[in-house]
Amino acid sequence: MEARIIVTLKNGVLDPQGKAIANALNSLDFKSIQSVRQGKVFDIVLDDMPSETAQQTLEEVCKKLLTNTVVENYTIKLL
């Protein structure tokens, strides 16, 4: 079983890396880019298990290690 976890900063949290990327893109003449929000993607391979069990396991992984839930959101997609 495979899953993808996408971690992004919550709305309202400053994203200096995203701002730097947007500035760099503008300096490279990508003038239509207004803003960039940077995030992380984790592709995870799990043992075969029921989808509900996988979802619960990945929720725990996100809360305990992969995210700072104070400033980040995450989405889990079972593939």
N, C-alpha and C. Protein backbone atom coordinates (compact mmCIF):
# COMPACT_ATOMS: atom_id res chain seq x y z
N MET A 1 0.85 -1.17 0.00
CA MET A 1 0.00 0.00 0.00
C MET A 1 0.89 1.23 0.00
N GLU A 2 0.48 2.24 -0.76
CA GLU A 2 1.24 3.48 -0.85
C GLU A 2 0.37 4.66 -0.44
N ALA A 3 1.04 5.68 0.07
CA ALA A 3 0.34 6.90 0.47
C ALA A 3 1.21 8.10 0.16
N ARG A 4 0.55 9.21 -0.01
CA ARG A 4 1.25 10.49 -0.19
C ARG A 4 0.72 11.46 0.86
N ILE A 5 1.65 12.09 1.58
CA ILE A 5 1.30 13.10 2.58
C ILE A 5 1.84 14.43 2.08
N ILE A 6 0.95 15.42 2.02
CA ILE A 6 1.33 16.76 1.59
C ILE A 6 1.22 17.69 2.79
N VAL A 7 2.31 18.36 3.11
CA VAL A 7 2.37 19.26 4.27
C VAL A 7 2.55 20.68 3.75
N THR A 8 1.68 21.58 4.21
CA THR A 8 1.77 22.99 3.82
C THR A 8 1.63 23.86 5.05
N LEU A 9 2.13 25.07 4.93
CA LEU A 9 1.96 26.03 6.02
C LEU A 9 0.50 26.48 6.08
N LYS A 10 0.01 26.71 7.27
CA LYS A 10 -1.35 27.22 7.43
C LYS A 10 -1.44 28.62 6.86
N ASN A 11 -2.65 28.99 6.42
CA ASN A 11 -2.88 30.35 5.95
C ASN A 11 -2.54 31.32 7.07
N GLY A 12 -1.89 32.41 6.71
CA GLY A 12 -1.51 33.41 7.70
C GLY A 12 -0.12 33.21 8.27
N VAL A 13 0.48 32.03 8.06
CA VAL A 13 1.85 31.78 8.53
C VAL A 13 2.80 32.28 7.46
N LEU A 14 3.74 33.11 7.85
CA LEU A 14 4.71 33.64 6.89
C LEU A 14 5.53 32.52 6.27
N ASP A 15 5.81 32.65 4.98
CA ASP A 15 6.55 31.64 4.23
C ASP A 15 7.74 32.30 3.53
N PRO A 16 8.84 32.53 4.26
CA PRO A 16 9.99 33.22 3.65
C PRO A 16 10.59 32.46 2.48
N GLN A 17 10.58 31.14 2.53
CA GLN A 17 11.14 30.37 1.41
C GLN A 17 10.25 30.52 0.17
N GLY A 18 8.95 30.48 0.35
CA GLY A 18 8.04 30.70 -0.76
C GLY A 18 8.21 32.08 -1.36
N LYS A 19 8.38 33.08 -0.50
CA LYS A 19 8.59 34.46 -0.98
C LYS A 19 9.88 34.56 -1.77
N ALA A 20 10.94 33.91 -1.30
CA ALA A 20 12.23 33.92 -2.01
C ALA A 20 12.09 33.25 -3.38
N ILE A 21 11.34 32.16 -3.45
CA ILE A 21 11.13 31.48 -4.73
C ILE A 21 10.35 32.39 -5.68
N ALA A 22 9.30 33.03 -5.18
CA ALA A 22 8.51 33.94 -6.01
C ALA A 22 9.38 35.08 -6.53
N ASN A 23 10.22 35.64 -5.68
CA ASN A 23 11.12 36.72 -6.11
C ASN A 23 12.09 36.23 -7.18
N ALA A 24 12.63 35.03 -6.99
CA ALA A 24 13.56 34.47 -7.97
C ALA A 24 12.86 34.24 -9.31
N LEU A 25 11.64 33.73 -9.26
CA LEU A 25 10.89 33.51 -10.50
C LEU A 25 10.62 34.82 -11.23
N ASN A 26 10.26 35.85 -10.47
CA ASN A 26 10.04 37.16 -11.08
C ASN A 26 11.32 37.70 -11.72
N SER A 27 12.45 37.48 -11.05
CA SER A 27 13.73 37.96 -11.62
C SER A 27 14.12 37.17 -12.87
N LEU A 28 13.55 35.98 -13.03
CA LEU A 28 13.79 35.17 -14.23
C LEU A 28 12.73 35.44 -15.30
N ASP A 29 11.99 36.54 -15.13
CA ASP A 29 10.98 37.00 -16.09
C ASP A 29 9.70 36.15 -16.10
N PHE A 30 9.42 35.44 -15.03
CA PHE A 30 8.12 34.80 -14.87
C PHE A 30 7.22 35.79 -14.14
N LYS A 31 6.83 36.84 -14.85
CA LYS A 31 6.12 37.96 -14.22
C LYS A 31 4.68 37.61 -13.84
N SER A 32 4.13 36.55 -14.40
CA SER A 32 2.75 36.19 -14.08
C SER A 32 2.63 35.47 -12.74
N ILE A 33 3.74 35.06 -12.13
CA ILE A 33 3.73 34.40 -10.82
C ILE A 33 3.54 35.46 -9.75
N GLN A 34 2.42 35.40 -9.04
CA GLN A 34 2.14 36.39 -8.00
C GLN A 34 2.68 35.98 -6.64
N SER A 35 2.54 34.69 -6.30
CA SER A 35 3.04 34.23 -5.01
C SER A 35 3.30 32.73 -5.07
N VAL A 36 4.11 32.25 -4.13
CA VAL A 36 4.45 30.83 -4.02
C VAL A 36 4.35 30.45 -2.55
N ARG A 37 3.75 29.30 -2.27
CA ARG A 37 3.74 28.72 -0.93
C ARG A 37 4.51 27.42 -1.02
N GLN A 38 5.52 27.26 -0.21
CA GLN A 38 6.39 26.09 -0.22
C GLN A 38 5.82 25.06 0.74
N GLY A 39 6.01 23.77 0.41
CA GLY A 39 5.56 22.70 1.28
C GLY A 39 6.45 21.48 1.14
N LYS A 40 5.98 20.37 1.69
CA LYS A 40 6.73 19.11 1.65
C LYS A 40 5.80 18.00 1.17
N VAL A 41 6.37 17.02 0.48
CA VAL A 41 5.63 15.84 0.05
C VAL A 41 6.38 14.61 0.54
N PHE A 42 5.63 13.69 1.15
CA PHE A 42 6.20 12.43 1.61
C PHE A 42 5.47 11.30 0.91
N ASP A 43 6.19 10.45 0.19
CA ASP A 43 5.63 9.23 -0.39
C ASP A 43 6.04 8.08 0.52
N ILE A 44 5.04 7.37 1.00
CA ILE A 44 5.27 6.34 2.02
C ILE A 44 4.72 5.01 1.51
N VAL A 45 5.48 3.94 1.72
CA VAL A 45 5.03 2.59 1.41
C VAL A 45 4.76 1.88 2.73
N LEU A 46 3.55 1.34 2.85
CA LEU A 46 3.14 0.65 4.07
C LEU A 46 2.88 -0.83 3.76
N ASP A 47 2.87 -1.63 4.81
CA ASP A 47 2.40 -3.01 4.67
C ASP A 47 0.94 -2.98 4.24
N ASP A 48 0.49 -4.04 3.57
CA ASP A 48 -0.93 -4.12 3.22
C ASP A 48 -1.76 -4.17 4.49
N MET A 49 -2.80 -3.35 4.52
CA MET A 49 -3.69 -3.26 5.68
C MET A 49 -4.98 -2.61 5.22
N PRO A 50 -6.03 -2.70 6.02
CA PRO A 50 -7.26 -2.00 5.65
C PRO A 50 -7.02 -0.49 5.55
N SER A 51 -7.74 0.16 4.66
CA SER A 51 -7.58 1.60 4.44
C SER A 51 -7.76 2.40 5.72
N GLU A 52 -8.73 2.01 6.54
CA GLU A 52 -8.98 2.74 7.79
C GLU A 52 -7.78 2.67 8.72
N THR A 53 -7.16 1.50 8.79
CA THR A 53 -5.98 1.32 9.64
C THR A 53 -4.81 2.15 9.11
N ALA A 54 -4.63 2.14 7.80
CA ALA A 54 -3.56 2.94 7.19
C ALA A 54 -3.77 4.42 7.47
N GLN A 55 -5.00 4.89 7.32
CA GLN A 55 -5.31 6.29 7.57
C GLN A 55 -4.99 6.67 9.02
N GLN A 56 -5.38 5.82 9.96
CA GLN A 56 -5.10 6.08 11.38
C GLN A 56 -3.60 6.09 11.66
N THR A 57 -2.89 5.14 11.08
CA THR A 57 -1.44 5.07 11.27
C THR A 57 -0.77 6.33 10.74
N LEU A 58 -1.17 6.76 9.55
CA LEU A 58 -0.56 7.94 8.94
C LEU A 58 -0.92 9.22 9.67
N GLU A 59 -2.13 9.30 10.21
CA GLU A 59 -2.51 10.45 11.05
C GLU A 59 -1.55 10.57 12.23
N GLU A 60 -1.27 9.43 12.85
CA GLU A 60 -0.37 9.42 14.00
C GLU A 60 1.06 9.81 13.59
N VAL A 61 1.51 9.30 12.45
CA VAL A 61 2.83 9.65 11.92
C VAL A 61 2.94 11.16 11.70
N CYS A 62 1.89 11.74 11.11
CA CYS A 62 1.90 13.18 10.85
C CYS A 62 1.97 13.97 12.15
N LYS A 63 1.15 13.60 13.10
CA LYS A 63 1.08 14.36 14.36
C LYS A 63 2.34 14.20 15.20
N LYS A 64 2.97 13.01 15.14
CA LYS A 64 4.13 12.75 16.00
C LYS A 64 5.46 13.15 15.37
N LEU A 65 5.54 13.20 14.03
CA LEU A 65 6.85 13.41 13.43
C LEU A 65 6.87 14.36 12.23
N LEU A 66 5.99 14.17 11.28
CA LEU A 66 6.13 14.85 10.00
C LEU A 66 5.67 16.30 9.99
N THR A 67 4.83 16.70 10.93
CA THR A 67 4.30 18.06 10.89
C THR A 67 4.40 18.75 12.25
N ASN A 68 4.39 20.05 12.18
CA ASN A 68 4.20 20.89 13.36
C ASN A 68 2.78 21.42 13.23
N THR A 69 1.85 20.80 13.93
CA THR A 69 0.43 21.11 13.73
C THR A 69 0.06 22.52 14.17
N VAL A 70 0.96 23.22 14.83
CA VAL A 70 0.69 24.61 15.20
C VAL A 70 0.73 25.49 13.95
N VAL A 71 1.65 25.21 13.03
CA VAL A 71 1.82 26.08 11.86
C VAL A 71 1.62 25.36 10.53
N GLU A 72 1.41 24.04 10.54
CA GLU A 72 1.28 23.30 9.29
C GLU A 72 -0.02 22.50 9.23
N ASN A 73 -0.54 22.37 8.01
CA ASN A 73 -1.64 21.48 7.70
C ASN A 73 -1.08 20.29 6.92
N TYR A 74 -1.83 19.20 6.90
CA TYR A 74 -1.41 18.06 6.09
C TYR A 74 -2.63 17.38 5.49
N THR A 75 -2.40 16.75 4.35
CA THR A 75 -3.42 15.90 3.74
C THR A 75 -2.79 14.55 3.46
N ILE A 76 -3.59 13.53 3.63
CA ILE A 76 -3.15 12.15 3.41
C ILE A 76 -3.96 11.58 2.25
N LYS A 77 -3.26 11.03 1.27
CA LYS A 77 -3.93 10.39 0.15
C LYS A 77 -3.42 8.96 0.05
N LEU A 78 -4.32 8.01 0.15
CA LEU A 78 -3.94 6.62 -0.08
C LEU A 78 -3.94 6.39 -1.58
N LEU A 79 -2.86 5.83 -2.09
CA LEU A 79 -2.72 5.66 -3.55
C LEU A 79 -3.03 4.24 -3.98
